Amino acid sequence: MRIQKNSLLSMMVIAVVFTLLGAGLTIWLGWPKYQLAKASAAWPTTTGRIVTSRVDDARDSKGKRSYSASVNFTYNVLNHEYLSDQIWAGGGYSSSSKPAHEQVVSRYPVGSEVPVYYDPQKPQQGILVPGLTWMNYVLLGIGGVFFFTGLLFGIGSVFVILRRIL
């Protein structure tokens, strides 16, 4: 009986933690980035110039490498020059695939002129690729998985409790 009480308590803790974590990822991280990317499709453009363009690599504590595209560009809005490093709305990503990032960087050689999309309310927020990308769905998806896993554990806990009562 004691083991079952501990198991039930564990299920309830998992339910609460996963549900709150999922809601937090979705509401405070995923949804704002999704909305920003969606809105960026309608942003005005100006001409910018690529200042730096490279693939960065980093190692974690276990020595595993990850790569990311690093592109810096300048652009002018209403006679004010801005510098940005945001390729996509909502930020970039890193992965273990160097060729994927080399492909991104190859589109932005240093010195080239590029269209820059900027937020008319916050012109310092300039990006090179407007609109939604697969990255905008990642946090929503991960948050959703955690949220619904928490709900399933919560529902399971309720069924266990009801089975004991009835």
Protein backbone atom coordinates (compact mmCIF):
# COMPACT_ATOMS: atom_id res chain seq x y z
CA MET A 1 0.00 0.00 0.00
CA ARG A 2 2.89 2.38 0.83
CA ILE A 3 4.46 1.86 -2.60
CA GLN A 4 1.16 2.69 -4.27
CA LYS A 5 0.87 5.95 -2.31
CA ASN A 6 4.40 6.92 -3.34
CA SER A 7 3.62 6.02 -6.95
CA LEU A 8 0.47 8.12 -6.87
CA LEU A 9 2.36 11.05 -5.35
CA SER A 10 5.05 10.69 -8.04
CA MET A 11 2.39 10.69 -10.78
CA MET A 12 0.83 13.83 -9.34
CA VAL A 13 4.19 15.62 -9.06
CA ILE A 14 5.06 14.66 -12.64
CA ALA A 15 1.64 15.87 -13.77
CA VAL A 16 2.06 19.28 -12.15
CA VAL A 17 5.69 19.77 -13.22
CA PHE A 18 5.13 18.70 -16.83
CA THR A 19 1.91 20.70 -17.20
CA LEU A 20 3.49 23.88 -15.80
CA LEU A 21 6.69 23.41 -17.81
CA GLY A 22 4.70 22.83 -21.00
CA ALA A 23 2.47 25.83 -20.39
CA GLY A 24 5.50 27.99 -19.62
CA LEU A 25 7.40 26.93 -22.73
CA THR A 26 4.37 27.54 -24.88
CA ILE A 27 3.00 30.75 -23.37
CA TRP A 28 6.19 32.62 -22.45
CA LEU A 29 8.63 31.39 -25.08
CA GLY A 30 6.96 29.68 -28.01
CA TRP A 31 3.90 31.84 -28.57
CA PRO A 32 5.67 35.26 -28.54
CA LYS A 33 8.30 33.99 -31.00
CA TYR A 34 5.58 32.53 -33.20
CA GLN A 35 3.64 35.83 -33.17
CA LEU A 36 6.80 37.84 -33.94
CA ALA A 37 7.71 35.60 -36.88
CA LYS A 38 4.16 35.72 -38.22
CA ALA A 39 4.08 39.53 -38.00
CA SER A 40 7.50 39.83 -39.69
CA ALA A 41 6.01 38.70 -42.99
CA ALA A 42 4.35 42.13 -43.27
CA TRP A 43 7.31 44.24 -42.13
CA PRO A 44 8.74 46.90 -44.44
CA THR A 45 12.16 46.40 -45.99
CA THR A 46 15.30 48.41 -46.45
CA THR A 47 18.68 47.58 -47.92
CA GLY A 48 21.37 46.24 -45.62
CA ARG A 49 24.98 45.11 -45.93
CA ILE A 50 26.51 41.92 -44.52
CA VAL A 51 29.33 42.73 -42.08
CA THR A 52 30.28 39.23 -40.88
CA SER A 53 29.17 35.80 -42.01
CA ARG A 54 30.53 32.61 -40.51
CA VAL A 55 29.70 29.29 -38.92
CA ASP A 56 30.41 29.27 -35.19
CA ASP A 57 31.19 26.06 -33.41
CA ALA A 58 31.00 25.27 -29.73
CA ARG A 59 31.65 22.24 -27.57
CA ASP A 60 29.59 21.16 -24.62
CA SER A 61 31.05 19.73 -21.41
CA LYS A 62 31.22 16.26 -23.00
CA GLY A 63 33.13 17.56 -26.03
CA LYS A 64 30.20 17.27 -28.44
CA ARG A 65 30.25 19.95 -31.14
CA SER A 66 27.36 22.13 -32.17
CA TYR A 67 27.28 24.67 -34.98
CA SER A 68 25.31 27.85 -35.63
CA ALA A 69 25.14 30.41 -38.41
CA SER A 70 26.42 33.82 -37.33
CA VAL A 71 25.56 36.69 -39.69
CA ASN A 72 25.84 40.36 -38.73
CA PHE A 73 24.45 43.09 -40.94
CA THR A 74 23.88 46.82 -40.89
CA TYR A 75 20.85 48.68 -42.24
CA ASN A 76 19.43 52.17 -42.18
CA VAL A 77 15.92 53.27 -41.15
CA LEU A 78 15.06 56.99 -41.13
CA ASN A 79 18.73 58.00 -41.19
CA HIS A 80 19.60 55.83 -38.21
CA GLU A 81 22.01 52.93 -38.71
CA TYR A 82 21.33 49.64 -36.95
CA LEU A 83 23.32 46.44 -36.50
CA SER A 84 21.57 43.10 -36.18
CA ASP A 85 22.53 39.44 -35.98
CA GLN A 86 19.04 37.98 -36.33
CA ILE A 87 18.64 35.90 -39.46
CA TRP A 88 15.13 34.75 -38.52
CA ALA A 89 12.48 36.30 -36.31
CA GLY A 90 12.68 34.75 -32.87
CA GLY A 91 16.37 33.85 -33.09
CA GLY A 92 18.44 31.13 -34.61
CA TYR A 93 19.35 27.60 -33.69
CA SER A 94 22.36 25.37 -33.29
CA SER A 95 22.79 21.74 -34.30
CA SER A 96 25.40 19.09 -34.90
CA SER A 97 25.06 19.59 -38.67
CA LYS A 98 27.77 21.92 -39.92
CA PRO A 99 26.67 21.72 -43.61
CA ALA A 100 23.20 23.07 -42.76
CA HIS A 101 24.75 26.18 -41.24
CA GLU A 102 27.33 26.51 -44.02
CA GLN A 103 24.42 26.58 -46.46
CA VAL A 104 22.79 29.45 -44.55
CA VAL A 105 26.05 31.42 -44.32
CA SER A 106 26.76 30.92 -48.05
CA ARG A 107 23.65 32.98 -48.85
CA TYR A 108 25.12 35.98 -47.03
CA PRO A 109 28.69 36.73 -48.19
CA VAL A 110 30.47 39.59 -46.42
CA GLY A 111 29.92 42.91 -48.20
CA SER A 112 26.82 41.84 -50.09
CA GLU A 113 23.65 43.93 -50.12
CA VAL A 114 20.57 42.21 -48.75
CA PRO A 115 16.95 43.09 -48.09
CA VAL A 116 16.39 43.61 -44.37
CA TYR A 117 12.93 43.31 -42.87
CA TYR A 118 12.43 45.49 -39.79
CA ASP A 119 9.72 45.99 -37.23
CA PRO A 120 8.25 49.47 -37.88
CA GLN A 121 7.50 49.85 -34.14
CA LYS A 122 11.04 48.73 -33.16
CA PRO A 123 13.32 49.42 -36.14
CA GLN A 124 16.32 48.05 -34.22
CA GLN A 125 14.73 44.62 -34.73
CA GLY A 126 15.89 43.68 -38.21
CA ILE A 127 15.92 40.21 -39.77
CA LEU A 128 16.94 38.67 -43.08
CA VAL A 129 14.28 35.96 -43.41
CA PRO A 130 10.70 37.03 -42.58
CA GLY A 131 7.75 34.84 -41.73
CA LEU A 132 7.30 31.53 -40.00
CA THR A 133 9.92 28.78 -40.21
CA TRP A 134 10.06 25.31 -38.73
CA MET A 135 11.94 26.75 -35.75
CA ASN A 136 8.88 28.72 -34.71
CA TYR A 137 6.97 25.48 -34.24
CA VAL A 138 9.65 23.71 -32.19
CA LEU A 139 9.00 25.45 -28.85
CA LEU A 140 5.25 25.22 -29.39
CA GLY A 141 5.61 21.52 -30.12
CA ILE A 142 7.90 20.78 -27.19
CA GLY A 143 5.70 22.83 -24.87
CA GLY A 144 2.63 20.99 -26.15
CA VAL A 145 4.23 17.59 -25.59
CA PHE A 146 5.15 18.48 -22.00
CA PHE A 147 1.72 20.00 -21.35
CA PHE A 148 -0.24 17.02 -22.66
CA THR A 149 2.08 14.53 -20.96
CA GLY A 150 1.37 16.34 -17.71
CA LEU A 151 -2.35 16.23 -18.39
CA LEU A 152 -2.19 12.49 -19.07
CA PHE A 153 -0.35 11.88 -15.80
CA GLY A 154 -2.92 14.07 -14.05
CA ILE A 155 -5.84 12.17 -15.57
CA GLY A 156 -4.13 8.90 -14.68
CA SER A 157 -3.76 10.08 -11.08
CA VAL A 158 -7.46 10.97 -10.92
CA PHE A 159 -8.42 7.53 -12.22
CA VAL A 160 -6.21 5.84 -9.60
CA ILE A 161 -7.79 7.93 -6.85
CA LEU A 162 -11.31 7.26 -8.11
CA ARG A 163 -10.60 3.54 -8.36
CA ARG A 164 -9.49 3.53 -4.70
CA ILE A 165 -12.57 5.46 -3.57
CA LEU A 166 -15.12 3.44 -5.54
